[in-house]
Amino acid sequence: MNFSEVEKARSLLRDYLSPTRLISAPSLSDLSGADVYLKLENENPTGSFKVRGALNALACRGRRGRLEGVVTSSTGNHGAGVAYAARQFNLPAAIFLPVNPIR
């Protein structure tokens, strides 16, 4: 990925997500001797940064032709991001989760 592609993704994401809030982390700044900030990705609609990649991937793929839907496998945040992105693009989505039997 080059800088131009990053800028395209940033422009696209602006239509779907609010800017991610930064907060200062004084104790980490004191420990490191540098200004440290925390990027609060947990404030995104799905609670993680994964939604950014999912939105960008579906938008980029959609530019190459009509999508019928999306299928993925995930144990959590990735699946939530893909489900959210599919909903934004009005696409059906199937998210497969692994089965972990309790022993």
Protein backbone atom coordinates (compact mmCIF):
# COMPACT_ATOMS: atom_id res chain seq x y z
CA MET A 1 0.00 0.00 0.00
CA ASN A 2 1.37 3.42 -0.92
CA PHE A 3 0.57 6.88 0.46
CA SER A 4 -1.97 7.59 -2.28
CA GLU A 5 -3.92 4.44 -1.35
CA VAL A 6 -3.85 5.43 2.32
CA GLU A 7 -5.28 8.85 1.42
CA LYS A 8 -8.02 7.22 -0.68
CA ALA A 9 -8.95 4.95 2.23
CA ARG A 10 -8.98 7.92 4.60
CA SER A 11 -11.30 9.81 2.29
CA LEU A 12 -13.64 6.83 1.98
CA LEU A 13 -13.75 6.14 5.72
CA ARG A 14 -14.70 9.74 6.44
CA ASP A 15 -18.15 8.96 4.99
CA TYR A 16 -18.69 6.05 7.41
CA LEU A 17 -16.75 6.74 10.61
CA SER A 18 -16.08 9.70 12.87
CA PRO A 19 -12.45 10.62 13.45
CA THR A 20 -10.93 8.47 16.17
CA ARG A 21 -10.46 10.42 19.37
CA LEU A 22 -6.99 10.74 20.91
CA ILE A 23 -6.43 11.25 24.62
CA SER A 24 -3.18 12.01 26.37
CA ALA A 25 -1.63 9.36 28.58
CA PRO A 26 0.34 11.32 31.18
CA SER A 27 1.64 8.30 33.10
CA LEU A 28 2.95 6.68 29.90
CA SER A 29 4.40 10.01 28.81
CA ASP A 30 6.24 10.28 32.14
CA LEU A 31 7.58 6.73 31.84
CA SER A 32 8.72 7.13 28.24
CA GLY A 33 9.91 10.72 28.26
CA ALA A 34 7.77 11.40 25.19
CA ASP A 35 4.25 12.66 24.58
CA VAL A 36 2.06 9.54 24.44
CA TYR A 37 -1.54 9.50 23.25
CA LEU A 38 -4.08 6.70 23.14
CA LYS A 39 -6.19 6.29 20.00
CA LEU A 40 -9.64 5.18 21.16
CA GLU A 41 -10.54 2.67 18.46
CA ASN A 42 -12.96 1.08 20.95
CA GLU A 43 -15.30 4.01 20.19
CA ASN A 44 -15.83 2.78 16.61
CA PRO A 45 -19.26 1.23 15.89
CA THR A 46 -17.91 -2.31 16.33
CA GLY A 47 -15.51 -1.54 19.18
CA SER A 48 -12.29 -2.07 17.23
CA PHE A 49 -10.16 -0.82 14.34
CA LYS A 50 -11.10 -3.83 12.17
CA VAL A 51 -14.13 -2.00 10.76
CA ARG A 52 -11.77 0.35 8.87
CA GLY A 53 -10.23 -2.46 6.82
CA ALA A 54 -13.59 -4.09 6.17
CA LEU A 55 -15.17 -0.86 4.90
CA ASN A 56 -12.18 -0.11 2.69
CA ALA A 57 -11.98 -3.66 1.32
CA LEU A 58 -15.66 -3.81 0.35
CA ALA A 59 -15.58 -0.32 -1.16
CA CYS A 60 -12.48 -1.11 -3.24
CA ARG A 61 -13.87 -4.46 -4.38
CA GLY A 62 -17.22 -2.86 -5.17
CA ARG A 63 -15.53 -0.40 -7.55
CA ARG A 64 -14.46 -3.36 -9.71
CA GLY A 65 -18.02 -4.61 -10.16
CA ARG A 66 -21.23 -5.49 -8.40
CA LEU A 67 -20.90 -7.60 -5.25
CA GLU A 68 -23.48 -10.29 -4.47
CA GLY A 69 -22.46 -10.55 -0.82
CA VAL A 70 -19.56 -11.28 1.46
CA VAL A 71 -18.41 -14.34 3.42
CA THR A 72 -15.75 -14.49 6.12
CA SER A 73 -14.58 -16.53 9.07
CA SER A 74 -13.69 -14.83 12.32
CA THR A 75 -13.48 -15.28 16.06
CA GLY A 76 -14.59 -11.73 16.80
CA ASN A 77 -13.61 -8.23 15.73
CA HIS A 78 -12.96 -9.01 12.07
CA GLY A 79 -16.40 -10.60 11.71
CA ALA A 80 -18.06 -7.67 13.44
CA GLY A 81 -16.25 -5.27 11.10
CA VAL A 82 -17.25 -7.19 7.98
CA ALA A 83 -20.86 -7.44 9.16
CA TYR A 84 -20.99 -3.69 9.80
CA ALA A 85 -19.39 -2.88 6.44
CA ALA A 86 -21.75 -5.22 4.59
CA ARG A 87 -24.71 -3.49 6.21
CA GLN A 88 -23.37 -0.09 5.12
CA PHE A 89 -23.18 -1.32 1.51
CA ASN A 90 -26.51 -3.15 1.74
CA LEU A 91 -24.87 -6.53 1.09
CA PRO A 92 -25.78 -9.89 2.57
CA ALA A 93 -23.02 -11.28 4.79
CA ALA A 94 -22.26 -14.71 6.21
CA ILE A 95 -19.88 -14.73 9.16
CA PHE A 96 -18.62 -18.17 10.19
CA LEU A 97 -17.41 -18.71 13.73
CA PRO A 98 -15.28 -21.65 14.90
CA VAL A 99 -16.87 -24.22 17.17
CA ASN A 100 -14.98 -24.65 20.43
CA PRO A 101 -16.64 -27.42 22.46
CA ILE A 102 -16.40 -27.09 26.21
CA ARG A 103 -14.55 -30.05 27.70
